[in-house]
Amino acid sequence: MKLIIMTDMEGCAGVLNFTDWVYPQGRYYEQGKAILTREVNAAIRGFRENGAGEILVLDGHGFGGLDLMRLDESVFYQRGFPGPYPIGISGEYDAIAWVGQHAKSGTPFAHMAHTSSLDVLDLRVNGRSVGEFGMSAYISAALGVKPLLACGDLALCREASELCPHIYTAWVKKGLDPGSGGECTPQEYEARNLSAIHLHPAAAERKIYEAACLAARAFAADPGAFSVPPLHGPYTVEIDYRANCPGVSTGKRYRHEEDLIAALNLSWEDCAAP
């Protein structure tokens, strides 16, 4: 099995908020990188011990989330992608796992939930509300890469199981704030969903390792069991924004007749335009 591990930071046990932990100027940013790297290494160890071959780790956190000097030396590491989507995912690989992933924007009882940025209220692909996990899962499916394991907060694990029924999951913390926060501005939402119960990082690593072992064994036995319900063209991407987002007064909609990845890139190119 050739495997991709997609990483983010907000879904890790012990990462407590945005301001201190996931921004480079945060006082615990380097500690957050160490926590994520240890969680990734735990997954790598579980996959390696159960037959995984080549592993590519995609550093998907916006500011970079991994400490390369602490990362398992047996893997390839990628930071930076030639174009926004498919965010480094390649059809040369058999399966993909997510570590440190968070739930989509507006998810009740999620911790540090958002979709791409705190400005986004909701993003829908062909009418289905998805977050960063869902977008990358659909991209993976379009390229023939199977969704294998999702690790993050409990809300993310539930989100992953709803979209990919046979995926393995490992939750390492659970949010405590009810409601969607749909009434919040980006600044208010950043401070809103920060209450959570966390596993100790060492316990989180053991849980991720065990889930990776089980997922790898199941994939070896029946790779065809891992799937994402297929999408069919035309492909639409709809984005609703929170109140008080500079320069954005309404939602936006993008469409491509034949290519999901192209539809996602239309939205990115529009956001990046001067």
C-alpha atoms as a PDB file:
ATOM      1  CA  MET A   1       0.000   0.000   0.000  1.00  0.00           C
ATOM      2  CA  LYS A   2       1.261   3.448  -0.973  1.00  0.00           C
ATOM      3  CA  LEU A   3      -0.218   5.969   1.421  1.00  0.00           C
ATOM      4  CA  ILE A   4      -0.787   9.715   1.763  1.00  0.00           C
ATOM      5  CA  ILE A   5      -1.147  11.308   5.200  1.00  0.00           C
ATOM      6  CA  MET A   6      -2.816  14.729   5.061  1.00  0.00           C
ATOM      7  CA  THR A   7      -2.173  16.830   8.159  1.00  0.00           C
ATOM      8  CA  ASP A   8      -3.700  19.800   9.917  1.00  0.00           C
ATOM      9  CA  MET A   9      -3.134  21.126  13.416  1.00  0.00           C
ATOM     10  CA  GLU A  10      -6.463  22.222  14.903  1.00  0.00           C
ATOM     11  CA  GLY A  11      -7.654  18.632  15.418  1.00  0.00           C
ATOM     12  CA  CYS A  12      -4.789  17.553  17.687  1.00  0.00           C
ATOM     13  CA  ALA A  13      -5.158  16.698  21.364  1.00  0.00           C
ATOM     14  CA  GLY A  14      -3.731  19.521  23.465  1.00  0.00           C
ATOM     15  CA  VAL A  15      -4.041  22.204  20.802  1.00  0.00           C
ATOM     16  CA  LEU A  16      -6.335  24.557  22.691  1.00  0.00           C
ATOM     17  CA  ASN A  17      -7.066  27.649  20.597  1.00  0.00           C
ATOM     18  CA  PHE A  18      -6.134  29.566  17.476  1.00  0.00           C
ATOM     19  CA  THR A  19      -4.287  32.526  18.970  1.00  0.00           C
ATOM     20  CA  ASP A  20      -1.694  30.665  21.016  1.00  0.00           C
ATOM     21  CA  TRP A  21      -1.279  27.393  19.143  1.00  0.00           C
ATOM     22  CA  VAL A  22      -1.722  27.459  15.357  1.00  0.00           C
ATOM     23  CA  TYR A  23      -0.396  30.859  14.265  1.00  0.00           C
ATOM     24  CA  PRO A  24       3.384  31.389  13.944  1.00  0.00           C
ATOM     25  CA  GLN A  25       3.269  34.305  16.388  1.00  0.00           C
ATOM     26  CA  GLY A  26       1.478  32.197  18.992  1.00  0.00           C
ATOM     27  CA  ARG A  27       3.360  31.457  22.188  1.00  0.00           C
ATOM     28  CA  TYR A  28       2.763  27.688  21.878  1.00  0.00           C
ATOM     29  CA  TYR A  29       3.070  27.332  18.079  1.00  0.00           C
ATOM     30  CA  GLU A  30       6.263  25.257  18.210  1.00  0.00           C
ATOM     31  CA  GLN A  31       4.703  23.039  20.886  1.00  0.00           C
ATOM     32  CA  GLY A  32       1.662  22.586  18.644  1.00  0.00           C
ATOM     33  CA  LYS A  33       3.937  21.483  15.801  1.00  0.00           C
ATOM     34  CA  ALA A  34       5.590  18.970  18.118  1.00  0.00           C
ATOM     35  CA  ILE A  35       2.194  17.552  19.150  1.00  0.00           C
ATOM     36  CA  LEU A  36       1.052  17.164  15.539  1.00  0.00           C
ATOM     37  CA  THR A  37       4.340  15.568  14.525  1.00  0.00           C
ATOM     38  CA  ARG A  38       4.059  12.994  17.318  1.00  0.00           C
ATOM     39  CA  GLU A  39       0.475  12.155  16.267  1.00  0.00           C
ATOM     40  CA  VAL A  40       1.612  11.730  12.651  1.00  0.00           C
ATOM     41  CA  ASN A  41       4.517   9.530  13.733  1.00  0.00           C
ATOM     42  CA  ALA A  42       2.087   7.342  15.691  1.00  0.00           C
ATOM     43  CA  ALA A  43       0.008   6.822  12.562  1.00  0.00           C
ATOM     44  CA  ILE A  44       3.115   6.112  10.488  1.00  0.00           C
ATOM     45  CA  ARG A  45       4.255   3.495  12.997  1.00  0.00           C
ATOM     46  CA  GLY A  46       0.893   1.729  12.869  1.00  0.00           C
ATOM     47  CA  PHE A  47       0.792   1.741   9.088  1.00  0.00           C
ATOM     48  CA  ARG A  48       4.430   0.602   8.728  1.00  0.00           C
ATOM     49  CA  GLU A  49       3.980  -2.316  11.122  1.00  0.00           C
ATOM     50  CA  ASN A  50       1.035  -3.518   9.056  1.00  0.00           C
ATOM     51  CA  GLY A  51       2.392  -3.487   5.546  1.00  0.00           C
ATOM     52  CA  ALA A  52       2.419   0.118   4.306  1.00  0.00           C
ATOM     53  CA  GLY A  53       5.102   0.888   1.777  1.00  0.00           C
ATOM     54  CA  GLU A  54       5.799   4.416   0.532  1.00  0.00           C
ATOM     55  CA  ILE A  55       4.233   7.146   2.696  1.00  0.00           C
ATOM     56  CA  LEU A  56       3.923  10.781   1.643  1.00  0.00           C
ATOM     57  CA  VAL A  57       3.084  13.294   4.383  1.00  0.00           C
ATOM     58  CA  LEU A  58       1.334  16.420   3.093  1.00  0.00           C
ATOM     59  CA  ASP A  59       1.723  19.341   5.504  1.00  0.00           C
ATOM     60  CA  GLY A  60      -1.727  20.860   5.067  1.00  0.00           C
ATOM     61  CA  HIS A  61      -1.794  23.406   7.891  1.00  0.00           C
ATOM     62  CA  GLY A  62      -1.962  26.924   6.529  1.00  0.00           C
ATOM     63  CA  PHE A  63       1.219  28.146   8.213  1.00  0.00           C
ATOM     64  CA  GLY A  64       2.917  24.759   8.238  1.00  0.00           C
ATOM     65  CA  GLY A  65       2.309  22.368  11.097  1.00  0.00           C
ATOM     66  CA  LEU A  66       5.088  19.780  11.209  1.00  0.00           C
ATOM     67  CA  ASP A  67       8.541  19.725  12.745  1.00  0.00           C
ATOM     68  CA  LEU A  68      10.553  18.071   9.991  1.00  0.00           C
ATOM     69  CA  MET A  69      13.455  17.221  12.301  1.00  0.00           C
ATOM     70  CA  ARG A  70      11.088  15.165  14.508  1.00  0.00           C
ATOM     71  CA  LEU A  71       9.152  13.551  11.673  1.00  0.00           C
ATOM     72  CA  ASP A  72       9.703   9.837  11.012  1.00  0.00           C
ATOM     73  CA  GLU A  73      12.678   9.708   8.642  1.00  0.00           C
ATOM     74  CA  SER A  74      11.181   6.902   6.533  1.00  0.00           C
ATOM     75  CA  VAL A  75       8.548   9.132   4.902  1.00  0.00           C
ATOM     76  CA  PHE A  76       8.507  11.740   2.178  1.00  0.00           C
ATOM     77  CA  TYR A  77       7.409  15.220   3.265  1.00  0.00           C
ATOM     78  CA  GLN A  78       5.677  17.766   1.046  1.00  0.00           C
ATOM     79  CA  ARG A  79       5.028  21.401   1.823  1.00  0.00           C
ATOM     80  CA  GLY A  80       3.635  23.586  -0.950  1.00  0.00           C
ATOM     81  CA  PHE A  81       1.570  22.457  -3.892  1.00  0.00           C
ATOM     82  CA  PRO A  82       1.728  23.377  -7.611  1.00  0.00           C
ATOM     83  CA  GLY A  83      -1.668  25.082  -7.665  1.00  0.00           C
ATOM     84  CA  PRO A  84      -4.375  25.060  -4.989  1.00  0.00           C
ATOM     85  CA  TYR A  85      -6.151  21.787  -5.797  1.00  0.00           C
ATOM     86  CA  PRO A  86      -5.686  18.790  -5.673  1.00  0.00           C
ATOM     87  CA  ILE A  87      -3.531  19.960  -2.703  1.00  0.00           C
ATOM     88  CA  GLY A  88      -0.828  17.391  -3.354  1.00  0.00           C
ATOM     89  CA  ILE A  89      -3.118  14.362  -3.572  1.00  0.00           C
ATOM     90  CA  SER A  90      -1.970  12.059  -6.359  1.00  0.00           C
ATOM     91  CA  GLY A  91      -3.563   9.064  -8.025  1.00  0.00           C
ATOM     92  CA  GLU A  92      -0.204   7.297  -7.736  1.00  0.00           C
ATOM     93  CA  TYR A  93      -1.190   6.438  -4.153  1.00  0.00           C
ATOM     94  CA  ASP A  94      -3.637   3.801  -2.978  1.00  0.00           C
ATOM     95  CA  ALA A  95      -5.077   5.352   0.176  1.00  0.00           C
ATOM     96  CA  ILE A  96      -5.165   8.513   2.277  1.00  0.00           C
ATOM     97  CA  ALA A  97      -5.352   9.204   6.007  1.00  0.00           C
ATOM     98  CA  TRP A  98      -5.965  12.448   7.898  1.00  0.00           C
ATOM     99  CA  VAL A  99      -4.247  13.431  11.166  1.00  0.00           C
ATOM    100  CA  GLY A 100      -4.958  16.580  13.193  1.00  0.00           C
ATOM    101  CA  GLN A 101      -8.106  17.282  11.181  1.00  0.00           C
ATOM    102  CA  HIS A 102     -10.981  19.420  12.462  1.00  0.00           C
ATOM    103  CA  ALA A 103     -14.701  19.499  11.685  1.00  0.00           C
ATOM    104  CA  LYS A 104     -16.348  21.775   9.164  1.00  0.00           C
ATOM    105  CA  SER A 105     -17.581  25.256   9.957  1.00  0.00           C
ATOM    106  CA  GLY A 106     -20.794  25.419  11.951  1.00  0.00           C
ATOM    107  CA  THR A 107     -20.569  21.947  13.465  1.00  0.00           C
ATOM    108  CA  PRO A 108     -22.106  21.761  16.954  1.00  0.00           C
ATOM    109  CA  PHE A 109     -19.875  20.326  19.694  1.00  0.00           C
ATOM    110  CA  ALA A 110     -16.778  20.690  17.520  1.00  0.00           C
ATOM    111  CA  HIS A 111     -13.474  22.181  18.614  1.00  0.00           C
ATOM    112  CA  MET A 112     -11.836  24.934  16.525  1.00  0.00           C
ATOM    113  CA  ALA A 113     -14.116  24.063  13.600  1.00  0.00           C
ATOM    114  CA  HIS A 114     -13.779  26.018  10.356  1.00  0.00           C
ATOM    115  CA  THR A 115     -13.686  25.513   6.605  1.00  0.00           C
ATOM    116  CA  SER A 116     -10.539  26.856   4.924  1.00  0.00           C
ATOM    117  CA  SER A 117     -10.841  30.117   6.855  1.00  0.00           C
ATOM    118  CA  LEU A 118     -12.930  31.585   9.644  1.00  0.00           C
ATOM    119  CA  ASP A 119     -14.707  33.749   7.058  1.00  0.00           C
ATOM    120  CA  VAL A 120     -16.610  30.786   5.593  1.00  0.00           C
ATOM    121  CA  LEU A 121     -20.045  30.042   7.038  1.00  0.00           C
ATOM    122  CA  ASP A 122     -20.712  26.995   4.862  1.00  0.00           C
ATOM    123  CA  LEU A 123     -19.327  25.336   1.741  1.00  0.00           C
ATOM    124  CA  ARG A 124     -21.353  22.909  -0.354  1.00  0.00           C
ATOM    125  CA  VAL A 125     -20.286  20.564  -3.129  1.00  0.00           C
ATOM    126  CA  ASN A 126     -23.214  19.482  -5.303  1.00  0.00           C
ATOM    127  CA  GLY A 127     -25.490  20.620  -2.500  1.00  0.00           C
ATOM    128  CA  ARG A 128     -23.769  18.702   0.315  1.00  0.00           C
ATOM    129  CA  SER A 129     -22.193  20.703   3.127  1.00  0.00           C
ATOM    130  CA  VAL A 130     -18.537  19.713   3.490  1.00  0.00           C
ATOM    131  CA  GLY A 131     -15.398  20.989   5.178  1.00  0.00           C
ATOM    132  CA  GLU A 132     -11.727  20.532   4.502  1.00  0.00           C
ATOM    133  CA  PHE A 133     -12.028  16.796   5.126  1.00  0.00           C
ATOM    134  CA  GLY A 134     -14.939  16.461   2.707  1.00  0.00           C
ATOM    135  CA  MET A 135     -13.250  18.430  -0.063  1.00  0.00           C
ATOM    136  CA  SER A 136     -10.074  16.365   0.166  1.00  0.00           C
ATOM    137  CA  ALA A 137     -12.065  13.119   0.399  1.00  0.00           C
ATOM    138  CA  TYR A 138     -13.954  13.978  -2.784  1.00  0.00           C
ATOM    139  CA  ILE A 139     -10.706  14.944  -4.518  1.00  0.00           C
ATOM    140  CA  SER A 140      -9.152  11.661  -3.411  1.00  0.00           C
ATOM    141  CA  ALA A 141     -12.123   9.707  -4.738  1.00  0.00           C
ATOM    142  CA  ALA A 142     -11.908  11.510  -8.083  1.00  0.00           C
ATOM    143  CA  LEU A 143      -8.271  10.391  -8.337  1.00  0.00           C
ATOM    144  CA  GLY A 144      -8.920   6.821  -7.210  1.00  0.00           C
ATOM    145  CA  VAL A 145      -7.364   7.205  -3.737  1.00  0.00           C
ATOM    146  CA  LYS A 146      -9.250   5.413  -0.944  1.00  0.00           C
ATOM    147  CA  PRO A 147     -10.177   7.142   2.366  1.00  0.00           C
ATOM    148  CA  LEU A 148      -8.603   5.023   5.097  1.00  0.00           C
ATOM    149  CA  LEU A 149      -8.337   6.804   8.479  1.00  0.00           C
ATOM    150  CA  ALA A 150      -9.456  10.132   9.987  1.00  0.00           C
ATOM    151  CA  CYS A 151      -8.028  11.436  13.275  1.00  0.00           C
ATOM    152  CA  GLY A 152      -9.142  14.598  15.041  1.00  0.00           C
ATOM    153  CA  ASP A 153     -11.929  15.776  17.306  1.00  0.00           C
ATOM    154  CA  LEU A 154     -15.035  13.650  17.828  1.00  0.00           C
ATOM    155  CA  ALA A 155     -17.166  15.869  15.599  1.00  0.00           C
ATOM    156  CA  LEU A 156     -14.690  15.428  12.743  1.00  0.00           C
ATOM    157  CA  CYS A 157     -14.728  11.663  13.177  1.00  0.00           C
ATOM    158  CA  ARG A 158     -18.513  11.640  12.961  1.00  0.00           C
ATOM    159  CA  GLU A 159     -18.362  13.862   9.879  1.00  0.00           C
ATOM    160  CA  ALA A 160     -15.863  11.495   8.244  1.00  0.00           C
ATOM    161  CA  SER A 161     -17.962   8.411   9.010  1.00  0.00           C
ATOM    162  CA  GLU A 162     -21.077  10.021   7.544  1.00  0.00           C
ATOM    163  CA  LEU A 163     -19.313  10.732   4.263  1.00  0.00           C
ATOM    164  CA  CYS A 164     -17.126   7.594   4.121  1.00  0.00           C
ATOM    165  CA  PRO A 165     -19.014   4.791   5.906  1.00  0.00           C
ATOM    166  CA  HIS A 166     -16.096   2.344   6.116  1.00  0.00           C
ATOM    167  CA  ILE A 167     -13.355   4.746   7.149  1.00  0.00           C
ATOM    168  CA  TYR A 168     -11.558   4.116  10.442  1.00  0.00           C
ATOM    169  CA  THR A 169     -11.461   6.970  12.938  1.00  0.00           C
ATOM    170  CA  ALA A 170      -9.635   7.984  16.104  1.00  0.00           C
ATOM    171  CA  TRP A 171     -10.975  10.900  18.127  1.00  0.00           C
ATOM    172  CA  VAL A 172      -8.549  12.635  20.479  1.00  0.00           C
ATOM    173  CA  LYS A 173     -10.738  15.393  21.934  1.00  0.00           C
ATOM    174  CA  LYS A 174     -14.400  16.409  21.965  1.00  0.00           C
ATOM    175  CA  GLY A 175     -15.904  19.873  21.799  1.00  0.00           C
ATOM    176  CA  LEU A 176     -18.426  21.085  24.351  1.00  0.00           C
ATOM    177  CA  ASP A 177     -20.029  24.136  22.712  1.00  0.00           C
ATOM    178  CA  PRO A 178     -23.530  23.589  21.281  1.00  0.00           C
ATOM    179  CA  GLY A 179     -24.986  25.417  18.317  1.00  0.00           C
ATOM    180  CA  SER A 180     -23.534  26.380  14.963  1.00  0.00           C
ATOM    181  CA  GLY A 181     -22.271  29.886  15.650  1.00  0.00           C
ATOM    182  CA  GLY A 182     -23.895  31.002  12.427  1.00  0.00           C
ATOM    183  CA  GLU A 183     -24.635  34.399  13.907  1.00  0.00           C
ATOM    184  CA  CYS A 184     -20.950  35.123  14.588  1.00  0.00           C
ATOM    185  CA  THR A 185     -18.536  37.328  12.727  1.00  0.00           C
ATOM    186  CA  PRO A 186     -15.186  35.674  11.902  1.00  0.00           C
ATOM    187  CA  GLN A 187     -13.617  37.276  14.966  1.00  0.00           C
ATOM    188  CA  GLU A 188     -16.445  36.091  17.230  1.00  0.00           C
ATOM    189  CA  TYR A 189     -16.387  32.591  15.760  1.00  0.00           C
ATOM    190  CA  GLU A 190     -12.644  32.254  16.338  1.00  0.00           C
ATOM    191  CA  ALA A 191     -13.219  32.689  20.069  1.00  0.00           C
ATOM    192  CA  ARG A 192     -16.483  30.738  20.258  1.00  0.00           C
ATOM    193  CA  ASN A 193     -15.868  26.992  19.919  1.00  0.00           C
ATOM    194  CA  LEU A 194     -12.875  26.514  22.203  1.00  0.00           C
ATOM    195  CA  SER A 195     -14.346  24.440  25.039  1.00  0.00           C
ATOM    196  CA  ALA A 196     -13.244  20.809  24.845  1.00  0.00           C
ATOM    197  CA  ILE A 197     -12.165  17.712  26.717  1.00  0.00           C
ATOM    198  CA  HIS A 198      -8.774  16.441  25.496  1.00  0.00           C
ATOM    199  CA  LEU A 199      -6.982  13.137  25.797  1.00  0.00           C
ATOM    200  CA  HIS A 200      -3.453  13.358  27.099  1.00  0.00           C
ATOM    201  CA  PRO A 201      -1.189  13.593  24.009  1.00  0.00           C
ATOM    202  CA  ALA A 202       0.433  10.246  24.835  1.00  0.00           C
ATOM    203  CA  ALA A 203      -2.991   8.585  25.051  1.00  0.00           C
ATOM    204  CA  ALA A 204      -3.975  10.237  21.755  1.00  0.00           C
ATOM    205  CA  GLU A 205      -0.867   8.842  20.091  1.00  0.00           C
ATOM    206  CA  ARG A 206      -1.666   5.311  21.291  1.00  0.00           C
ATOM    207  CA  LYS A 207      -5.223   5.627  20.005  1.00  0.00           C
ATOM    208  CA  ILE A 208      -4.047   6.841  16.594  1.00  0.00           C
ATOM    209  CA  TYR A 209      -1.454   4.060  16.399  1.00  0.00           C
ATOM    210  CA  GLU A 210      -4.055   1.405  17.178  1.00  0.00           C
ATOM    211  CA  ALA A 211      -6.512   2.809  14.628  1.00  0.00           C
ATOM    212  CA  ALA A 212      -3.788   2.904  11.959  1.00  0.00           C
ATOM    213  CA  CYS A 213      -2.977  -0.750  12.653  1.00  0.00           C
ATOM    214  CA  LEU A 214      -6.616  -1.759  12.247  1.00  0.00           C
ATOM    215  CA  ALA A 215      -7.133   0.369   9.139  1.00  0.00           C
ATOM    216  CA  ALA A 216      -4.029  -0.997   7.410  1.00  0.00           C
ATOM    217  CA  ARG A 217      -5.032  -4.585   8.111  1.00  0.00           C
ATOM    218  CA  ALA A 218      -8.570  -3.976   6.843  1.00  0.00           C
ATOM    219  CA  PHE A 219      -7.260  -2.330   3.684  1.00  0.00           C
ATOM    220  CA  ALA A 220      -4.939  -5.241   3.003  1.00  0.00           C
ATOM    221  CA  ALA A 221      -7.854  -7.656   3.375  1.00  0.00           C
ATOM    222  CA  ASP A 222     -10.340  -5.701   1.229  1.00  0.00           C
ATOM    223  CA  PRO A 223      -9.239  -2.401  -0.326  1.00  0.00           C
ATOM    224  CA  GLY A 224     -12.490  -2.166  -2.264  1.00  0.00           C
ATOM    225  CA  ALA A 225     -14.449  -1.679   0.956  1.00  0.00           C
ATOM    226  CA  PHE A 226     -13.133   1.865   1.366  1.00  0.00           C
ATOM    227  CA  SER A 227     -15.029   4.379  -0.716  1.00  0.00           C
ATOM    228  CA  VAL A 228     -16.700   7.769  -0.984  1.00  0.00           C
ATOM    229  CA  PRO A 229     -20.217   7.983  -2.475  1.00  0.00           C
ATOM    230  CA  PRO A 230     -19.549   9.142  -6.042  1.00  0.00           C
ATOM    231  CA  LEU A 231     -20.329  12.604  -7.344  1.00  0.00           C
ATOM    232  CA  HIS A 232     -21.424  13.235 -10.917  1.00  0.00           C
ATOM    233  CA  GLY A 233     -21.174  16.344 -13.077  1.00  0.00           C
ATOM    234  CA  PRO A 234     -22.045  19.060 -13.434  1.00  0.00           C
ATOM    235  CA  TYR A 235     -20.084  20.001 -10.309  1.00  0.00           C
ATOM    236  CA  THR A 236     -21.111  22.983  -8.222  1.00  0.00           C
ATOM    237  CA  VAL A 237     -19.291  24.654  -5.357  1.00  0.00           C
ATOM    238  CA  GLU A 238     -21.295  27.107  -3.238  1.00  0.00           C
ATOM    239  CA  ILE A 239     -19.732  29.236  -0.499  1.00  0.00           C
ATOM    240  CA  ASP A 240     -21.594  31.313   2.089  1.00  0.00           C
ATOM    241  CA  TYR A 241     -19.631  33.840   4.136  1.00  0.00           C
ATOM    242  CA  ARG A 242     -20.006  35.122   7.666  1.00  0.00           C
ATOM    243  CA  ALA A 243     -21.198  38.605   8.495  1.00  0.00           C
ATOM    244  CA  ASN A 244     -18.674  41.442   8.247  1.00  0.00           C
ATOM    245  CA  CYS A 245     -16.238  39.693   5.871  1.00  0.00           C
ATOM    246  CA  PRO A 246     -14.355  42.451   3.992  1.00  0.00           C
ATOM    247  CA  GLY A 247     -15.365  42.681   0.349  1.00  0.00           C
ATOM    248  CA  VAL A 248     -17.914  39.866   0.541  1.00  0.00           C
ATOM    249  CA  SER A 249     -21.598  40.684   0.809  1.00  0.00           C
ATOM    250  CA  THR A 250     -23.206  37.528  -0.595  1.00  0.00           C
ATOM    251  CA  GLY A 251     -22.454  33.893  -1.168  1.00  0.00           C
ATOM    252  CA  LYS A 252     -20.674  32.734  -4.290  1.00  0.00           C
ATOM    253  CA  ARG A 253     -21.314  29.859  -6.660  1.00  0.00           C
ATOM    254  CA  TYR A 254     -19.024  28.074  -9.111  1.00  0.00           C
ATOM    255  CA  ARG A 255     -19.752  25.390 -11.700  1.00  0.00           C
ATOM    256  CA  HIS A 256     -17.803  23.092 -13.969  1.00  0.00           C
ATOM    257  CA  GLU A 257     -19.539  20.606 -16.225  1.00  0.00           C
ATOM    258  CA  GLU A 258     -16.985  17.797 -16.067  1.00  0.00           C
ATOM    259  CA  ASP A 259     -14.321  18.281 -13.384  1.00  0.00           C
ATOM    260  CA  LEU A 260     -14.766  18.640  -9.614  1.00  0.00           C
ATOM    261  CA  ILE A 261     -11.176  19.725  -9.065  1.00  0.00           C
ATOM    262  CA  ALA A 262     -11.570  22.437 -11.688  1.00  0.00           C
ATOM    263  CA  ALA A 263     -14.735  23.669  -9.952  1.00  0.00           C
ATOM    264  CA  LEU A 264     -12.879  23.931  -6.629  1.00  0.00           C
ATOM    265  CA  ASN A 265     -10.047  25.791  -8.328  1.00  0.00           C
ATOM    266  CA  LEU A 266     -12.499  28.337  -9.740  1.00  0.00           C
ATOM    267  CA  SER A 267     -13.451  29.285  -6.200  1.00  0.00           C
ATOM    268  CA  TRP A 268      -9.829  29.565  -5.110  1.00  0.00           C
ATOM    269  CA  GLU A 269      -8.846  31.643  -8.130  1.00  0.00           C
ATOM    270  CA  ASP A 270     -11.715  34.042  -7.483  1.00  0.00           C
ATOM    271  CA  CYS A 271     -10.682  34.469  -3.833  1.00  0.00           C
ATOM    272  CA  ALA A 272      -7.076  35.075  -4.874  1.00  0.00           C
ATOM    273  CA  ALA A 273      -7.902  37.626  -7.566  1.00  0.00           C
ATOM    274  CA  PRO A 274      -6.791  41.216  -6.870  1.00  0.00           C
END
